[in-house]
Amino acid sequence: MSDNDHPRTRLNNEFQKRYGPSAPEHVKWEVYSQGPPNATMWYATIYIDDVNYGHASAPTRSAAQDAAAQQAYEKLKG
């Protein structure tokens, strides 16, 4: 997977186009885990201007954030 195919990179590039240098002010991540150490589940939610644009769960933090970022990207481009 190239950097441009990575969901969080693609979403960040879209933010830069839309918001320029103020992009970080428009995005908030909520990430947490639950469960025992041998079966932890990660949850990630991304908010854009305080609106939920994506929520996902996965066995790793990165996978949860990637899935939520993909949802957000699809909603923005939709």
N, C-alpha and C. Protein backbone atom coordinates (compact mmCIF):
# COMPACT_ATOMS: atom_id res chain seq x y z
N MET A 1 0.85 -1.19 0.00
CA MET A 1 0.00 0.00 0.00
C MET A 1 0.89 1.24 0.00
N SER A 2 0.72 2.11 -0.97
CA SER A 2 1.51 3.34 -1.01
C SER A 2 0.96 4.32 0.00
N ASP A 3 1.74 5.36 0.32
CA ASP A 3 1.29 6.36 1.28
C ASP A 3 -0.02 7.00 0.86
N ASN A 4 -0.21 7.22 -0.44
CA ASN A 4 -1.44 7.86 -0.91
C ASN A 4 -2.65 6.95 -0.78
N ASP A 5 -2.43 5.63 -0.62
CA ASP A 5 -3.53 4.69 -0.47
C ASP A 5 -3.91 4.50 1.00
N HIS A 6 -3.07 4.98 1.89
CA HIS A 6 -3.33 4.81 3.32
C HIS A 6 -4.50 5.70 3.72
N PRO A 7 -5.51 5.14 4.40
CA PRO A 7 -6.73 5.92 4.71
C PRO A 7 -6.48 7.22 5.47
N ARG A 8 -5.60 7.20 6.47
CA ARG A 8 -5.38 8.44 7.22
C ARG A 8 -4.60 9.47 6.40
N THR A 9 -3.71 9.02 5.54
CA THR A 9 -2.98 9.95 4.66
C THR A 9 -3.93 10.58 3.66
N ARG A 10 -4.77 9.75 3.07
CA ARG A 10 -5.74 10.25 2.08
C ARG A 10 -6.68 11.27 2.72
N LEU A 11 -7.14 10.96 3.95
CA LEU A 11 -8.03 11.87 4.65
C LEU A 11 -7.31 13.17 4.99
N ASN A 12 -6.07 13.07 5.46
CA ASN A 12 -5.29 14.26 5.78
C ASN A 12 -5.09 15.14 4.55
N ASN A 13 -4.82 14.51 3.41
CA ASN A 13 -4.65 15.28 2.17
C ASN A 13 -5.94 16.02 1.81
N GLU A 14 -7.07 15.38 2.04
CA GLU A 14 -8.37 16.03 1.77
C GLU A 14 -8.58 17.21 2.72
N PHE A 15 -8.22 17.03 3.99
CA PHE A 15 -8.33 18.13 4.96
C PHE A 15 -7.46 19.31 4.54
N GLN A 16 -6.26 19.04 4.08
CA GLN A 16 -5.36 20.11 3.67
C GLN A 16 -5.95 20.90 2.50
N LYS A 17 -6.59 20.19 1.57
CA LYS A 17 -7.23 20.87 0.44
C LYS A 17 -8.38 21.76 0.90
N ARG A 18 -9.17 21.25 1.83
CA ARG A 18 -10.36 21.97 2.28
C ARG A 18 -10.06 23.09 3.26
N TYR A 19 -9.17 22.83 4.22
CA TYR A 19 -8.97 23.76 5.32
C TYR A 19 -7.60 24.42 5.37
N GLY A 20 -6.66 23.94 4.58
CA GLY A 20 -5.31 24.51 4.60
C GLY A 20 -4.65 24.32 5.96
N PRO A 21 -3.90 25.33 6.40
CA PRO A 21 -3.16 25.21 7.65
C PRO A 21 -4.04 25.03 8.89
N SER A 22 -5.31 25.38 8.80
CA SER A 22 -6.18 25.25 9.97
C SER A 22 -6.82 23.86 10.07
N ALA A 23 -6.43 22.92 9.22
CA ALA A 23 -7.02 21.59 9.20
C ALA A 23 -7.06 20.92 10.58
N PRO A 24 -5.98 20.94 11.37
CA PRO A 24 -6.03 20.27 12.68
C PRO A 24 -7.12 20.82 13.62
N GLU A 25 -7.52 22.06 13.43
CA GLU A 25 -8.55 22.66 14.28
C GLU A 25 -9.94 22.07 14.00
N HIS A 26 -10.09 21.40 12.86
CA HIS A 26 -11.40 20.88 12.45
C HIS A 26 -11.58 19.40 12.78
N VAL A 27 -10.51 18.74 13.24
CA VAL A 27 -10.53 17.29 13.43
C VAL A 27 -10.26 16.92 14.88
N LYS A 28 -11.04 15.95 15.36
CA LYS A 28 -10.80 15.42 16.72
C LYS A 28 -10.96 13.91 16.67
N TRP A 29 -10.01 13.21 17.23
CA TRP A 29 -10.07 11.75 17.34
C TRP A 29 -10.41 11.36 18.77
N GLU A 30 -11.23 10.35 18.92
CA GLU A 30 -11.49 9.72 20.21
C GLU A 30 -11.10 8.25 20.03
N VAL A 31 -10.08 7.82 20.76
CA VAL A 31 -9.58 6.45 20.61
C VAL A 31 -9.44 5.84 22.00
N TYR A 32 -9.96 4.62 22.15
CA TYR A 32 -9.83 3.93 23.42
C TYR A 32 -9.86 2.42 23.19
N SER A 33 -9.44 1.68 24.21
CA SER A 33 -9.44 0.22 24.12
C SER A 33 -10.24 -0.37 25.27
N GLN A 34 -10.71 -1.57 25.06
CA GLN A 34 -11.43 -2.32 26.09
C GLN A 34 -11.05 -3.78 25.97
N GLY A 35 -11.15 -4.46 27.09
CA GLY A 35 -10.91 -5.90 27.09
C GLY A 35 -9.59 -6.27 27.75
N PRO A 36 -9.40 -7.57 27.94
CA PRO A 36 -8.17 -8.04 28.57
C PRO A 36 -6.98 -7.89 27.61
N PRO A 37 -5.77 -7.89 28.16
CA PRO A 37 -4.58 -7.71 27.33
C PRO A 37 -4.45 -8.70 26.17
N ASN A 38 -4.96 -9.91 26.34
CA ASN A 38 -4.82 -10.91 25.27
C ASN A 38 -5.96 -10.83 24.25
N ALA A 39 -6.93 -9.95 24.48
CA ALA A 39 -8.06 -9.82 23.54
C ALA A 39 -8.57 -8.37 23.52
N THR A 40 -7.65 -7.44 23.45
CA THR A 40 -8.02 -6.02 23.46
C THR A 40 -8.71 -5.64 22.16
N MET A 41 -9.75 -4.84 22.28
CA MET A 41 -10.44 -4.29 21.12
C MET A 41 -10.30 -2.77 21.18
N TRP A 42 -9.89 -2.19 20.06
CA TRP A 42 -9.71 -0.74 19.97
C TRP A 42 -10.90 -0.12 19.25
N TYR A 43 -11.28 1.07 19.71
CA TYR A 43 -12.40 1.82 19.13
C TYR A 43 -11.90 3.21 18.74
N ALA A 44 -12.26 3.64 17.57
CA ALA A 44 -11.84 4.97 17.10
C ALA A 44 -13.03 5.69 16.49
N THR A 45 -13.18 6.95 16.86
CA THR A 45 -14.22 7.80 16.29
C THR A 45 -13.54 9.08 15.83
N ILE A 46 -13.88 9.53 14.65
CA ILE A 46 -13.32 10.79 14.14
C ILE A 46 -14.46 11.79 13.99
N TYR A 47 -14.22 12.98 14.53
CA TYR A 47 -15.18 14.08 14.44
C TYR A 47 -14.58 15.17 13.56
N ILE A 48 -15.38 15.67 12.66
CA ILE A 48 -14.98 16.80 11.82
C ILE A 48 -15.96 17.92 12.13
N ASP A 49 -15.43 19.02 12.63
CA ASP A 49 -16.28 20.14 13.08
C ASP A 49 -17.36 19.64 14.03
N ASP A 50 -16.96 18.79 14.96
CA ASP A 50 -17.82 18.23 16.02
C ASP A 50 -18.94 17.32 15.52
N VAL A 51 -18.84 16.83 14.30
CA VAL A 51 -19.81 15.88 13.76
C VAL A 51 -19.10 14.54 13.56
N ASN A 52 -19.72 13.46 14.01
CA ASN A 52 -19.15 12.12 13.86
C ASN A 52 -19.15 11.74 12.38
N TYR A 53 -17.96 11.53 11.84
CA TYR A 53 -17.82 11.14 10.43
C TYR A 53 -17.39 9.69 10.27
N GLY A 54 -16.99 9.04 11.36
CA GLY A 54 -16.58 7.65 11.25
C GLY A 54 -16.33 7.04 12.61
N HIS A 55 -16.69 5.77 12.74
CA HIS A 55 -16.47 5.03 13.98
C HIS A 55 -16.16 3.60 13.60
N ALA A 56 -15.12 3.03 14.22
CA ALA A 56 -14.74 1.67 13.89
C ALA A 56 -14.10 0.99 15.10
N SER A 57 -14.10 -0.33 15.05
CA SER A 57 -13.41 -1.11 16.07
C SER A 57 -12.55 -2.15 15.36
N ALA A 58 -11.43 -2.49 16.00
CA ALA A 58 -10.49 -3.46 15.42
C ALA A 58 -9.56 -3.94 16.52
N PRO A 59 -8.83 -5.02 16.27
CA PRO A 59 -7.92 -5.53 17.29
C PRO A 59 -6.68 -4.65 17.54
N THR A 60 -6.40 -3.72 16.62
CA THR A 60 -5.27 -2.80 16.84
C THR A 60 -5.75 -1.36 16.73
N ARG A 61 -5.03 -0.49 17.41
CA ARG A 61 -5.36 0.94 17.38
C ARG A 61 -5.30 1.47 15.95
N SER A 62 -4.24 1.13 15.26
CA SER A 62 -4.03 1.62 13.91
C SER A 62 -5.15 1.17 12.96
N ALA A 63 -5.54 -0.09 13.06
CA ALA A 63 -6.60 -0.60 12.18
C ALA A 63 -7.93 0.09 12.47
N ALA A 64 -8.22 0.36 13.73
CA ALA A 64 -9.46 1.06 14.08
C ALA A 64 -9.45 2.48 13.52
N GLN A 65 -8.32 3.18 13.66
CA GLN A 65 -8.23 4.54 13.13
C GLN A 65 -8.29 4.55 11.61
N ASP A 66 -7.66 3.58 10.98
CA ASP A 66 -7.70 3.50 9.52
C ASP A 66 -9.13 3.30 9.02
N ALA A 67 -9.86 2.40 9.67
CA ALA A 67 -11.24 2.14 9.25
C ALA A 67 -12.13 3.36 9.46
N ALA A 68 -11.96 4.05 10.57
CA ALA A 68 -12.75 5.27 10.82
C ALA A 68 -12.37 6.36 9.82
N ALA A 69 -11.09 6.48 9.50
CA ALA A 69 -10.64 7.47 8.52
C ALA A 69 -11.21 7.17 7.15
N GLN A 70 -11.28 5.90 6.78
CA GLN A 70 -11.85 5.52 5.48
C GLN A 70 -13.32 5.92 5.41
N GLN A 71 -14.06 5.68 6.49
CA GLN A 71 -15.47 6.08 6.53
C GLN A 71 -15.61 7.60 6.37
N ALA A 72 -14.77 8.34 7.11
CA ALA A 72 -14.83 9.80 7.04
C ALA A 72 -14.51 10.29 5.62
N TYR A 73 -13.49 9.72 5.02
CA TYR A 73 -13.10 10.12 3.66
C TYR A 73 -14.26 9.88 2.68
N GLU A 74 -14.88 8.72 2.78
CA GLU A 74 -15.98 8.40 1.88
C GLU A 74 -17.16 9.35 2.08
N LYS A 75 -17.44 9.74 3.32
CA LYS A 75 -18.52 10.69 3.58
C LYS A 75 -18.18 12.08 3.03
N LEU A 76 -16.93 12.48 3.18
CA LEU A 76 -16.52 13.80 2.67
C LEU A 76 -16.58 13.86 1.16
N LYS A 77 -16.16 12.78 0.51
CA LYS A 77 -16.11 12.78 -0.95
C LYS A 77 -17.45 12.41 -1.58
N GLY A 78 -18.34 11.80 -0.74
CA GLY A 78 -19.61 11.25 -1.19
C GLY A 78 -20.47 12.13 -1.94
